[in-house]
Amino acid sequence: MPNLHDIERRISSVSSTKQITRTMEMVAAAKIRRASDRVANALPWAMAVSDMMHTTAEHAPIDIEPLLQTHDEVKKALVVVLASDRGLAGGFNSNVLRYAEKIIREKERAGIEVEVVACGKKAIGYFNYRNIKPVMEFQDLSADPTFGEAAQIAQYVAENYKAMKLDEVFLVYNHAKNAAEQTLVEQQVLPIDEKGYEELLGLKPREEDIFKQWREKDMSKLPGDVDFEPEPGKVMNYLMTAYLRNAFYYALLDSAAGEQGARRNAMKSATDNANEMVSTLTRVYNRVRQGAITTEITEIVGGAAALEE
């Protein structure tokens, strides 16, 4: 049975830890609002760029833009992994990193060479430890991502996809479903997937095939002429560049919001556990103290009885 001094020290230690976790919970809760607002403001533009690109491609020759092409043979893929710079966020990082590694191993078993872009110190450390050297690394930006970071990734992807050095590009990150819940998302960036943002993120069920008119031309209805200014190649190149930059930037913002939500949940659980531990230790302390008092009283009574005899 521990003595009273040991229990007091442990109660003091747990109480100090509880103050830290409670503070981190409050900080994360304050940051969630700003991060969620950035995601909400970015979503309409993300959907608009995606829809604009799809509808414009319907009236433009598809073969004029290399980024719209599907390569006949997949030899090399790129996986962009979004994690955090800091820990203490529960399973936020481990879920993403394990899933990304699973994709990499599956591609390698299929004979596909895989490159990795790591965003966040946790992702960089995870892949370097496993001898997977990222081709691009970004750190100290996970909680407050910038458009420049997304533009650098988009530029690397566009240049290598056009040069036939990449055949597939995937994004793996945590989507902030709400302030308390995150869902793992695997997004195929190139070749362009049929899924829109609303369907991909589970915002609404799929209602129609947005590629149907693109793939299956209905010649019974003759559309009017569409004039491109400037010429179609430049228009599609501009839209594809905007689409890539926006896809990465929105994912970075979404992951940042998810990070704060996960950290808030983890710190709340830690605070609750600390409160429970303090309560348990206080009960033990009172039990030991009462036992010590009872023992002292017994000794005093016994000593008094012995003197009377």
Protein backbone atom coordinates (compact mmCIF):
# COMPACT_ATOMS: atom_id res chain seq x y z
CA MET A 1 0.00 0.00 0.00
CA PRO A 2 1.56 3.37 -1.00
CA ASN A 3 2.03 5.97 1.71
CA LEU A 4 0.18 9.28 1.85
CA HIS A 5 3.11 11.31 0.51
CA ASP A 6 3.39 9.16 -2.64
CA ILE A 7 -0.35 9.45 -3.33
CA GLU A 8 -0.25 13.23 -2.83
CA ARG A 9 2.62 13.53 -5.30
CA ARG A 10 0.76 11.44 -7.87
CA ILE A 11 -2.43 13.48 -7.47
CA SER A 12 -0.41 16.67 -7.97
CA SER A 13 1.28 15.23 -11.07
CA VAL A 14 -2.01 14.11 -12.66
CA SER A 15 -3.62 17.47 -11.87
CA SER A 16 -0.76 19.31 -13.60
CA THR A 17 -1.12 17.07 -16.66
CA LYS A 18 -4.87 17.69 -16.66
CA GLN A 19 -4.29 21.45 -16.80
CA ILE A 20 -2.07 20.99 -19.88
CA THR A 21 -4.52 18.72 -21.71
CA ARG A 22 -7.44 21.01 -20.85
CA THR A 23 -5.54 24.00 -22.23
CA MET A 24 -4.67 22.13 -25.44
CA GLU A 25 -8.31 21.11 -25.80
CA MET A 26 -9.43 24.75 -25.54
CA VAL A 27 -6.77 25.91 -28.02
CA ALA A 28 -7.79 23.24 -30.55
CA ALA A 29 -11.47 24.13 -30.08
CA ALA A 30 -10.68 27.77 -30.83
CA LYS A 31 -8.75 26.83 -33.98
CA ILE A 32 -11.49 24.52 -35.29
CA ARG A 33 -13.79 27.44 -36.07
CA ARG A 34 -11.28 29.25 -38.28
CA ALA A 35 -10.18 26.04 -40.01
CA SER A 36 -13.78 24.98 -40.66
CA ASP A 37 -14.61 28.41 -42.08
CA ARG A 38 -11.70 28.15 -44.52
CA VAL A 39 -12.96 24.74 -45.68
CA ALA A 40 -16.54 25.98 -46.06
CA ASN A 41 -15.38 29.00 -48.06
CA ALA A 42 -13.19 26.84 -50.34
CA LEU A 43 -15.77 24.17 -51.14
CA PRO A 44 -18.01 26.19 -53.52
CA TRP A 45 -14.99 27.24 -55.57
CA ALA A 46 -13.68 23.68 -55.62
CA MET A 47 -17.00 22.40 -56.95
CA ALA A 48 -17.29 25.27 -59.44
CA VAL A 49 -13.84 24.63 -60.93
CA SER A 50 -14.55 20.91 -61.18
CA ASP A 51 -17.94 21.45 -62.86
CA MET A 52 -16.54 24.10 -65.19
CA MET A 53 -13.76 21.82 -66.31
CA HIS A 54 -16.18 18.94 -66.96
CA THR A 55 -18.70 20.99 -68.90
CA THR A 56 -16.03 22.77 -70.94
CA ALA A 57 -14.34 19.50 -71.87
CA GLU A 58 -17.64 18.36 -73.36
CA HIS A 59 -17.30 20.99 -76.11
CA ALA A 60 -13.52 20.83 -76.62
CA PRO A 61 -11.39 18.14 -78.27
CA ILE A 62 -10.23 15.96 -75.38
CA ASP A 63 -6.90 15.08 -76.99
CA ILE A 64 -5.69 18.71 -76.95
CA GLU A 65 -4.92 18.63 -73.21
CA PRO A 66 -2.35 16.04 -71.98
CA LEU A 67 -3.66 16.21 -68.40
CA LEU A 68 -7.02 14.87 -69.60
CA GLN A 69 -5.47 11.79 -71.17
CA THR A 70 -5.55 8.32 -69.62
CA HIS A 71 -2.26 6.52 -70.16
CA ASP A 72 -2.51 3.10 -71.77
CA GLU A 73 -0.13 1.48 -69.28
CA VAL A 74 0.37 2.39 -65.63
CA LYS A 75 4.05 2.22 -64.78
CA LYS A 76 4.46 4.94 -62.16
CA ALA A 77 2.08 6.40 -59.59
CA LEU A 78 2.27 9.26 -57.11
CA VAL A 79 0.66 9.23 -53.65
CA VAL A 80 0.27 12.59 -51.90
CA VAL A 81 -0.08 11.98 -48.15
CA LEU A 82 -1.41 14.71 -45.85
CA ALA A 83 -0.60 14.34 -42.14
CA SER A 84 0.19 16.75 -39.30
CA ASP A 85 3.37 18.28 -37.95
CA ARG A 86 2.42 17.61 -34.33
CA GLY A 87 1.11 14.57 -32.50
CA LEU A 88 -1.37 14.32 -29.63
CA ALA A 89 -4.21 13.90 -32.12
CA GLY A 90 -5.31 10.33 -31.48
CA GLY A 91 -5.30 8.14 -34.58
CA PHE A 92 -5.36 11.08 -37.00
CA ASN A 93 -1.90 10.42 -38.43
CA SER A 94 -1.65 6.67 -38.01
CA ASN A 95 -4.85 6.01 -39.99
CA VAL A 96 -3.66 8.05 -42.97
CA LEU A 97 -0.09 6.75 -42.94
CA ARG A 98 -1.04 3.08 -42.66
CA TYR A 99 -3.59 3.42 -45.47
CA ALA A 100 -1.08 5.23 -47.70
CA GLU A 101 1.50 2.52 -47.08
CA LYS A 102 -1.13 -0.09 -47.96
CA ILE A 103 -1.73 1.63 -51.32
CA ILE A 104 2.01 1.80 -51.96
CA ARG A 105 2.54 -1.90 -51.25
CA GLU A 106 -0.42 -2.90 -53.43
CA LYS A 107 0.91 -0.83 -56.33
CA GLU A 108 4.40 -2.26 -55.93
CA ARG A 109 3.04 -5.82 -55.93
CA ALA A 110 1.34 -4.95 -59.23
CA GLY A 111 4.70 -3.88 -60.67
CA ILE A 112 4.00 -0.15 -60.43
CA GLU A 113 6.70 2.20 -59.18
CA VAL A 114 5.38 4.60 -56.55
CA GLU A 115 6.55 8.08 -55.54
CA VAL A 116 5.42 9.85 -52.37
CA VAL A 117 4.80 13.51 -51.55
CA ALA A 118 4.79 13.89 -47.76
CA CYS A 119 3.03 16.85 -46.13
CA GLY A 120 3.63 17.10 -42.39
CA LYS A 121 6.51 16.05 -40.14
CA LYS A 122 4.72 12.87 -39.09
CA ALA A 123 4.45 11.73 -42.72
CA ILE A 124 8.06 12.66 -43.47
CA GLY A 125 9.37 10.74 -40.46
CA TYR A 126 7.13 7.75 -41.12
CA PHE A 127 8.25 7.21 -44.72
CA ASN A 128 11.91 8.00 -44.13
CA TYR A 129 11.97 5.41 -41.33
CA ARG A 130 10.64 2.85 -43.82
CA ASN A 131 13.24 3.81 -46.44
CA ILE A 132 10.64 5.48 -48.67
CA LYS A 133 12.24 8.80 -49.62
CA PRO A 134 9.56 11.39 -50.52
CA VAL A 135 10.15 13.32 -53.75
CA MET A 136 8.70 16.43 -52.08
CA GLU A 137 8.46 17.30 -48.38
CA PHE A 138 6.46 20.03 -46.64
CA GLN A 139 6.57 20.76 -42.92
CA ASP A 140 5.42 23.40 -40.44
CA LEU A 141 2.35 24.08 -42.62
CA SER A 142 -0.13 21.38 -41.61
CA ALA A 143 -2.19 23.59 -39.26
CA ASP A 144 -2.16 26.60 -41.59
CA PRO A 145 -1.59 25.45 -45.20
CA THR A 146 -0.88 27.92 -47.99
CA PHE A 147 -1.89 28.06 -51.63
CA GLY A 148 1.81 28.14 -52.57
CA GLU A 149 2.24 24.65 -51.13
CA ALA A 150 -0.64 23.36 -53.27
CA ALA A 151 0.74 25.15 -56.35
CA GLN A 152 4.14 23.46 -55.96
CA ILE A 153 2.56 20.01 -55.76
CA ALA A 154 0.28 20.77 -58.72
CA GLN A 155 3.23 21.97 -60.81
CA TYR A 156 5.22 18.81 -60.09
CA VAL A 157 2.22 16.62 -60.93
CA ALA A 158 1.40 18.48 -64.16
CA GLU A 159 4.96 18.49 -65.49
CA ASN A 160 5.56 14.81 -64.81
CA TYR A 161 2.13 13.66 -66.02
CA LYS A 162 2.58 15.54 -69.30
CA ALA A 163 6.07 14.04 -69.68
CA MET A 164 4.61 10.52 -69.17
CA LYS A 165 6.68 10.13 -65.98
CA LEU A 166 3.51 9.71 -63.92
CA ASP A 167 0.45 7.70 -64.85
CA GLU A 168 -1.69 7.97 -61.70
CA VAL A 169 -1.94 10.47 -58.86
CA PHE A 170 -3.74 9.84 -55.56
CA LEU A 171 -4.48 11.96 -52.49
CA VAL A 172 -4.84 10.40 -49.01
CA TYR A 173 -6.02 12.55 -46.12
CA ASN A 174 -8.59 12.93 -43.33
CA HIS A 175 -11.78 14.76 -44.28
CA ALA A 176 -13.27 16.88 -41.48
CA LYS A 177 -16.82 15.54 -41.58
CA ASN A 178 -17.68 17.76 -38.63
CA ALA A 179 -15.94 19.24 -35.61
CA ALA A 180 -15.83 15.87 -33.84
CA GLU A 181 -15.46 13.31 -36.64
CA GLN A 182 -12.96 12.69 -39.42
CA THR A 183 -13.23 10.24 -42.30
CA LEU A 184 -10.38 8.82 -44.35
CA VAL A 185 -10.49 9.87 -48.01
CA GLU A 186 -8.64 8.45 -51.00
CA GLN A 187 -9.04 10.78 -53.99
CA GLN A 188 -7.85 9.96 -57.50
CA VAL A 189 -6.61 13.25 -58.90
CA LEU A 190 -5.29 11.98 -62.25
CA PRO A 191 -6.68 10.54 -64.44
CA ILE A 192 -9.75 12.56 -63.47
CA ASP A 193 -12.25 10.44 -61.59
CA GLU A 194 -15.99 10.65 -62.18
CA LYS A 195 -16.68 11.50 -58.55
CA GLY A 196 -17.48 15.10 -57.75
CA TYR A 197 -16.54 16.74 -54.45
CA GLU A 198 -19.99 16.30 -52.94
CA GLU A 199 -20.02 12.57 -53.66
CA LEU A 200 -16.36 12.07 -52.71
CA LEU A 201 -16.78 13.73 -49.32
CA GLY A 202 -20.18 12.20 -48.62
CA LEU A 203 -22.02 15.52 -48.71
CA LYS A 204 -24.83 14.08 -50.80
CA PRO A 205 -25.53 10.79 -52.61
CA ARG A 206 -24.66 10.46 -56.25
CA GLU A 207 -27.56 11.50 -58.46
CA GLU A 208 -26.27 11.27 -62.00
CA ASP A 209 -23.28 10.39 -64.11
CA ILE A 210 -21.64 13.73 -64.85
CA PHE A 211 -19.59 12.13 -67.65
CA LYS A 212 -22.54 10.57 -69.47
CA GLN A 213 -22.96 13.31 -72.11
CA TRP A 214 -19.20 13.52 -72.49
CA ARG A 215 -18.82 9.81 -73.26
CA GLU A 216 -22.09 9.19 -75.09
CA LYS A 217 -22.90 11.95 -77.56
CA ASP A 218 -26.60 12.41 -78.26
CA MET A 219 -26.68 13.40 -81.93
CA SER A 220 -30.47 13.82 -81.93
CA LYS A 221 -29.95 17.19 -80.24
CA LEU A 222 -27.60 19.44 -82.14
CA PRO A 223 -25.87 21.85 -79.78
CA GLY A 224 -25.06 25.37 -80.78
CA ASP A 225 -21.55 26.43 -81.65
CA VAL A 226 -19.22 27.15 -78.74
CA ASP A 227 -16.61 29.82 -79.23
CA PHE A 228 -13.42 29.61 -77.16
CA GLU A 229 -11.48 32.72 -76.28
CA PRO A 230 -8.58 32.14 -76.37
CA GLU A 231 -8.36 28.88 -78.34
CA PRO A 232 -9.55 25.57 -76.73
CA GLY A 233 -6.07 24.32 -75.86
CA LYS A 234 -5.27 27.33 -73.69
CA VAL A 235 -8.68 27.27 -72.05
CA MET A 236 -8.40 23.60 -71.10
CA ASN A 237 -4.83 24.04 -69.88
CA TYR A 238 -5.91 26.93 -67.66
CA LEU A 239 -8.85 24.97 -66.26
CA MET A 240 -6.77 21.84 -65.62
CA THR A 241 -4.08 23.88 -63.86
CA ALA A 242 -6.74 25.54 -61.69
CA TYR A 243 -8.34 22.13 -61.03
CA LEU A 244 -5.07 20.58 -59.83
CA ARG A 245 -4.11 23.50 -57.62
CA ASN A 246 -7.58 23.64 -56.15
CA ALA A 247 -7.76 19.88 -55.51
CA PHE A 248 -4.56 19.94 -53.46
CA TYR A 249 -5.36 23.21 -51.69
CA TYR A 250 -8.84 22.08 -50.64
CA ALA A 251 -7.44 18.78 -49.35
CA LEU A 252 -4.81 20.66 -47.31
CA LEU A 253 -7.47 22.90 -45.76
CA ASP A 254 -9.73 19.93 -45.07
CA SER A 255 -6.90 18.00 -43.43
CA ALA A 256 -5.99 21.02 -41.27
CA ALA A 257 -9.57 21.23 -39.98
CA GLY A 258 -9.58 17.50 -39.31
CA GLU A 259 -6.31 17.78 -37.38
CA GLN A 260 -7.75 20.33 -34.96
CA GLY A 261 -10.89 18.26 -34.47
CA ALA A 262 -8.88 15.10 -33.79
CA ARG A 263 -6.59 16.93 -31.34
CA ARG A 264 -9.56 18.39 -29.50
CA ASN A 265 -11.12 14.92 -29.15
CA ALA A 266 -7.85 13.39 -27.98
CA MET A 267 -7.23 16.12 -25.40
CA LYS A 268 -10.82 15.91 -24.14
CA SER A 269 -10.41 12.17 -23.61
CA ALA A 270 -7.10 12.77 -21.82
CA THR A 271 -8.70 15.40 -19.58
CA ASP A 272 -11.62 13.10 -18.75
CA ASN A 273 -9.20 10.28 -17.93
CA ALA A 274 -7.17 12.61 -15.71
CA ASN A 275 -10.31 13.65 -13.82
CA GLU A 276 -11.23 10.03 -13.27
CA MET A 277 -7.71 9.20 -12.11
CA VAL A 278 -7.69 12.10 -9.65
CA SER A 279 -11.02 10.90 -8.24
CA THR A 280 -9.70 7.36 -7.86
CA LEU A 281 -6.47 8.53 -6.23
CA THR A 282 -8.41 10.80 -3.87
CA ARG A 283 -10.50 7.85 -2.71
CA VAL A 284 -7.36 5.78 -2.17
CA TYR A 285 -5.76 8.69 -0.30
CA ASN A 286 -8.78 9.03 2.02
CA ARG A 287 -8.84 5.27 2.60
CA VAL A 288 -5.14 5.17 3.49
CA ARG A 289 -5.46 8.28 5.68
CA GLN A 290 -8.46 6.82 7.50
CA GLY A 291 -6.54 3.60 8.00
CA ALA A 292 -3.58 5.48 9.42
CA ILE A 293 -5.83 7.44 11.82
CA THR A 294 -7.57 4.25 12.93
CA THR A 295 -4.20 2.61 13.57
CA GLU A 296 -3.00 5.57 15.65
CA ILE A 297 -6.20 5.61 17.73
CA THR A 298 -5.90 1.88 18.33
CA GLU A 299 -2.29 2.28 19.46
CA ILE A 300 -3.24 5.14 21.82
CA VAL A 301 -6.14 3.19 23.33
CA GLY A 302 -3.96 0.12 23.70
CA GLY A 303 -1.21 2.13 25.35
CA ALA A 304 -3.65 3.75 27.79
CA ALA A 305 -5.10 0.36 28.68
CA ALA A 306 -1.63 -1.01 29.31
CA LEU A 307 -0.81 1.88 31.71
CA GLU A 308 -4.01 1.34 33.68
CA GLU A 309 -3.02 -2.26 34.28
